[in-house]
Amino acid sequence: MIVKTVCGNLFSMSDEPIRLGEATPTHERGPLSHACEHPDCGKDAGFGFARPRQPSHWFCFEHRADGERFL
């Protein structure tokens, strides 16, 4: 079974069922959406900021300027 990691979640890339005890793909907003990292915001974030080989930081439209510090 081939497993791909997206946002820290594991996704099966084959038709094989995931066995009990393995991580399952769960995310409240879906596998490709993120929450804004600005304190007390939590809106859907569409703007990601990261340096190569560093984790991404996500911000909404209103707080996207906060992500500049991660570049």
N, C-alpha and C. Protein backbone atom coordinates (compact mmCIF):
# COMPACT_ATOMS: atom_id res chain seq x y z
N MET A 1 0.85 -1.17 0.00
CA MET A 1 0.00 0.00 0.00
C MET A 1 0.89 1.24 0.00
N ILE A 2 0.58 2.20 -0.84
CA ILE A 2 1.30 3.46 -0.91
C ILE A 2 0.54 4.48 -0.09
N VAL A 3 1.25 5.22 0.76
CA VAL A 3 0.61 6.21 1.62
C VAL A 3 1.22 7.57 1.32
N LYS A 4 0.38 8.58 1.18
CA LYS A 4 0.83 9.94 0.92
C LYS A 4 0.43 10.81 2.10
N THR A 5 1.34 11.67 2.56
CA THR A 5 1.04 12.55 3.68
C THR A 5 0.69 13.93 3.16
N VAL A 6 -0.45 14.45 3.60
CA VAL A 6 -0.90 15.79 3.26
C VAL A 6 -1.36 16.45 4.55
N CYS A 7 -0.75 17.55 4.92
CA CYS A 7 -1.14 18.28 6.13
C CYS A 7 -1.07 17.40 7.37
N GLY A 8 -0.15 16.47 7.41
CA GLY A 8 -0.01 15.61 8.57
C GLY A 8 -0.97 14.44 8.59
N ASN A 9 -1.87 14.34 7.63
CA ASN A 9 -2.82 13.23 7.56
C ASN A 9 -2.33 12.20 6.56
N LEU A 10 -2.68 10.96 6.80
CA LEU A 10 -2.27 9.88 5.90
C LEU A 10 -3.42 9.51 4.99
N PHE A 11 -3.14 9.35 3.70
CA PHE A 11 -4.15 8.98 2.73
C PHE A 11 -3.67 7.75 1.96
N SER A 12 -4.54 6.79 1.80
CA SER A 12 -4.22 5.60 1.05
C SER A 12 -4.29 5.92 -0.43
N MET A 13 -3.26 5.53 -1.18
CA MET A 13 -3.22 5.80 -2.61
C MET A 13 -3.54 4.55 -3.41
N SER A 14 -4.18 3.58 -2.76
CA SER A 14 -4.55 2.36 -3.46
C SER A 14 -5.96 1.98 -3.06
N ASP A 15 -6.43 0.88 -3.60
CA ASP A 15 -7.78 0.40 -3.28
C ASP A 15 -7.80 -0.49 -2.05
N GLU A 16 -6.64 -0.71 -1.44
CA GLU A 16 -6.58 -1.56 -0.27
C GLU A 16 -7.24 -0.87 0.91
N PRO A 17 -8.02 -1.58 1.69
CA PRO A 17 -8.62 -0.96 2.88
C PRO A 17 -7.54 -0.68 3.93
N ILE A 18 -7.74 0.36 4.69
CA ILE A 18 -6.81 0.67 5.77
C ILE A 18 -7.14 -0.25 6.93
N ARG A 19 -6.11 -0.89 7.47
CA ARG A 19 -6.31 -1.81 8.58
C ARG A 19 -6.53 -1.05 9.88
N LEU A 20 -7.23 -1.68 10.82
CA LEU A 20 -7.45 -1.08 12.12
C LEU A 20 -6.11 -0.78 12.77
N GLY A 21 -6.02 0.32 13.45
CA GLY A 21 -4.78 0.70 14.12
C GLY A 21 -3.94 1.65 13.29
N GLU A 22 -4.25 1.78 12.00
CA GLU A 22 -3.53 2.72 11.15
C GLU A 22 -4.24 4.07 11.18
N ALA A 23 -3.51 5.12 10.88
CA ALA A 23 -4.11 6.45 10.84
C ALA A 23 -5.13 6.52 9.70
N THR A 24 -6.22 7.18 9.94
CA THR A 24 -7.25 7.32 8.92
C THR A 24 -7.33 8.78 8.49
N PRO A 25 -7.68 9.04 7.25
CA PRO A 25 -7.76 10.43 6.79
C PRO A 25 -8.98 11.15 7.36
N THR A 26 -8.74 11.97 8.37
CA THR A 26 -9.83 12.75 8.94
C THR A 26 -9.41 14.20 9.03
N HIS A 27 -10.28 15.06 8.63
CA HIS A 27 -10.05 16.49 8.72
C HIS A 27 -11.42 17.15 8.69
N GLU A 28 -11.71 18.00 9.63
CA GLU A 28 -13.04 18.59 9.75
C GLU A 28 -13.45 19.36 8.50
N ARG A 29 -12.52 20.04 7.87
CA ARG A 29 -12.85 20.89 6.74
C ARG A 29 -12.55 20.23 5.40
N GLY A 30 -12.02 19.06 5.39
CA GLY A 30 -11.65 18.40 4.15
C GLY A 30 -10.14 18.30 4.04
N PRO A 31 -9.66 17.47 3.14
CA PRO A 31 -8.22 17.21 3.07
C PRO A 31 -7.41 18.37 2.50
N LEU A 32 -8.02 19.28 1.77
CA LEU A 32 -7.24 20.34 1.14
C LEU A 32 -7.58 21.73 1.66
N SER A 33 -8.22 21.85 2.79
CA SER A 33 -8.52 23.16 3.33
C SER A 33 -7.74 23.37 4.63
N HIS A 34 -7.50 24.61 4.95
CA HIS A 34 -6.71 24.96 6.13
C HIS A 34 -7.43 26.06 6.90
N ALA A 35 -7.12 26.17 8.18
CA ALA A 35 -7.67 27.23 9.01
C ALA A 35 -6.63 28.32 9.18
N CYS A 36 -7.09 29.56 9.23
CA CYS A 36 -6.20 30.71 9.40
C CYS A 36 -5.47 30.60 10.74
N GLU A 37 -4.17 30.88 10.75
CA GLU A 37 -3.35 30.77 11.95
C GLU A 37 -3.34 32.06 12.77
N HIS A 38 -4.00 33.10 12.30
CA HIS A 38 -4.08 34.35 13.07
C HIS A 38 -4.86 34.07 14.34
N PRO A 39 -4.40 34.58 15.50
CA PRO A 39 -5.12 34.31 16.76
C PRO A 39 -6.59 34.72 16.68
N ASP A 40 -7.46 33.87 17.16
CA ASP A 40 -8.91 34.11 17.23
C ASP A 40 -9.58 34.29 15.87
N CYS A 41 -9.01 33.75 14.79
CA CYS A 41 -9.64 33.88 13.48
C CYS A 41 -10.28 32.55 13.10
N GLY A 42 -9.51 31.59 12.63
CA GLY A 42 -10.03 30.28 12.30
C GLY A 42 -10.81 30.17 11.01
N LYS A 43 -10.86 31.23 10.18
CA LYS A 43 -11.55 31.16 8.90
C LYS A 43 -10.79 30.24 7.95
N ASP A 44 -11.45 29.86 6.85
CA ASP A 44 -10.75 29.08 5.82
C ASP A 44 -9.60 29.90 5.28
N ALA A 45 -8.44 29.26 5.17
CA ALA A 45 -7.23 29.96 4.73
C ALA A 45 -6.83 29.46 3.35
N GLY A 46 -6.66 30.38 2.43
CA GLY A 46 -6.27 30.03 1.08
C GLY A 46 -4.88 30.52 0.72
N PHE A 47 -4.19 31.16 1.65
CA PHE A 47 -2.88 31.71 1.38
C PHE A 47 -1.85 31.00 2.26
N GLY A 48 -0.98 30.21 1.63
CA GLY A 48 0.05 29.46 2.35
C GLY A 48 1.41 30.09 2.15
N PHE A 49 2.20 30.10 3.21
CA PHE A 49 3.53 30.68 3.19
C PHE A 49 4.51 29.70 3.79
N ALA A 50 5.65 29.49 3.10
CA ALA A 50 6.67 28.59 3.62
C ALA A 50 7.95 28.76 2.84
N ARG A 51 9.05 28.48 3.50
CA ARG A 51 10.34 28.37 2.83
C ARG A 51 10.48 26.93 2.37
N PRO A 52 11.38 26.67 1.41
CA PRO A 52 11.57 25.28 0.97
C PRO A 52 11.91 24.36 2.14
N ARG A 53 11.29 23.21 2.15
CA ARG A 53 11.49 22.16 3.16
C ARG A 53 11.13 22.61 4.57
N GLN A 54 10.21 23.55 4.68
CA GLN A 54 9.70 24.00 5.97
C GLN A 54 8.18 23.81 5.97
N PRO A 55 7.59 23.67 7.13
CA PRO A 55 6.12 23.52 7.16
C PRO A 55 5.43 24.78 6.69
N SER A 56 4.27 24.64 6.09
CA SER A 56 3.50 25.77 5.60
C SER A 56 2.70 26.41 6.73
N HIS A 57 2.49 27.70 6.61
CA HIS A 57 1.65 28.46 7.53
C HIS A 57 0.55 29.08 6.69
N TRP A 58 -0.70 28.98 7.16
CA TRP A 58 -1.86 29.35 6.35
C TRP A 58 -2.63 30.50 6.97
N PHE A 59 -3.07 31.44 6.09
CA PHE A 59 -3.80 32.61 6.53
C PHE A 59 -4.96 32.89 5.58
N CYS A 60 -6.00 33.53 6.11
CA CYS A 60 -7.15 33.91 5.30
C CYS A 60 -6.82 35.20 4.53
N PHE A 61 -7.76 35.65 3.71
CA PHE A 61 -7.56 36.84 2.90
C PHE A 61 -7.25 38.06 3.77
N GLU A 62 -7.98 38.22 4.86
CA GLU A 62 -7.80 39.38 5.73
C GLU A 62 -6.44 39.41 6.41
N HIS A 63 -5.89 38.25 6.73
CA HIS A 63 -4.65 38.18 7.51
C HIS A 63 -3.45 37.67 6.69
N ARG A 64 -3.57 37.69 5.37
CA ARG A 64 -2.50 37.15 4.53
C ARG A 64 -1.19 37.90 4.71
N ALA A 65 -1.22 39.16 5.11
CA ALA A 65 0.01 39.93 5.33
C ALA A 65 0.82 39.35 6.49
N ASP A 66 0.16 38.68 7.43
CA ASP A 66 0.88 38.06 8.54
C ASP A 66 1.79 36.94 8.06
N GLY A 67 1.50 36.36 6.92
CA GLY A 67 2.31 35.27 6.40
C GLY A 67 3.63 35.70 5.80
N GLU A 68 3.80 36.97 5.52
CA GLU A 68 5.05 37.46 4.93
C GLU A 68 6.26 37.14 5.80
N ARG A 69 6.10 37.07 7.10
CA ARG A 69 7.24 36.80 8.00
C ARG A 69 7.78 35.38 7.84
N PHE A 70 6.99 34.48 7.21
CA PHE A 70 7.41 33.10 7.04
C PHE A 70 8.15 32.88 5.71
N LEU A 71 8.31 33.92 4.92
CA LEU A 71 9.03 33.80 3.64
C LEU A 71 10.49 34.10 3.79
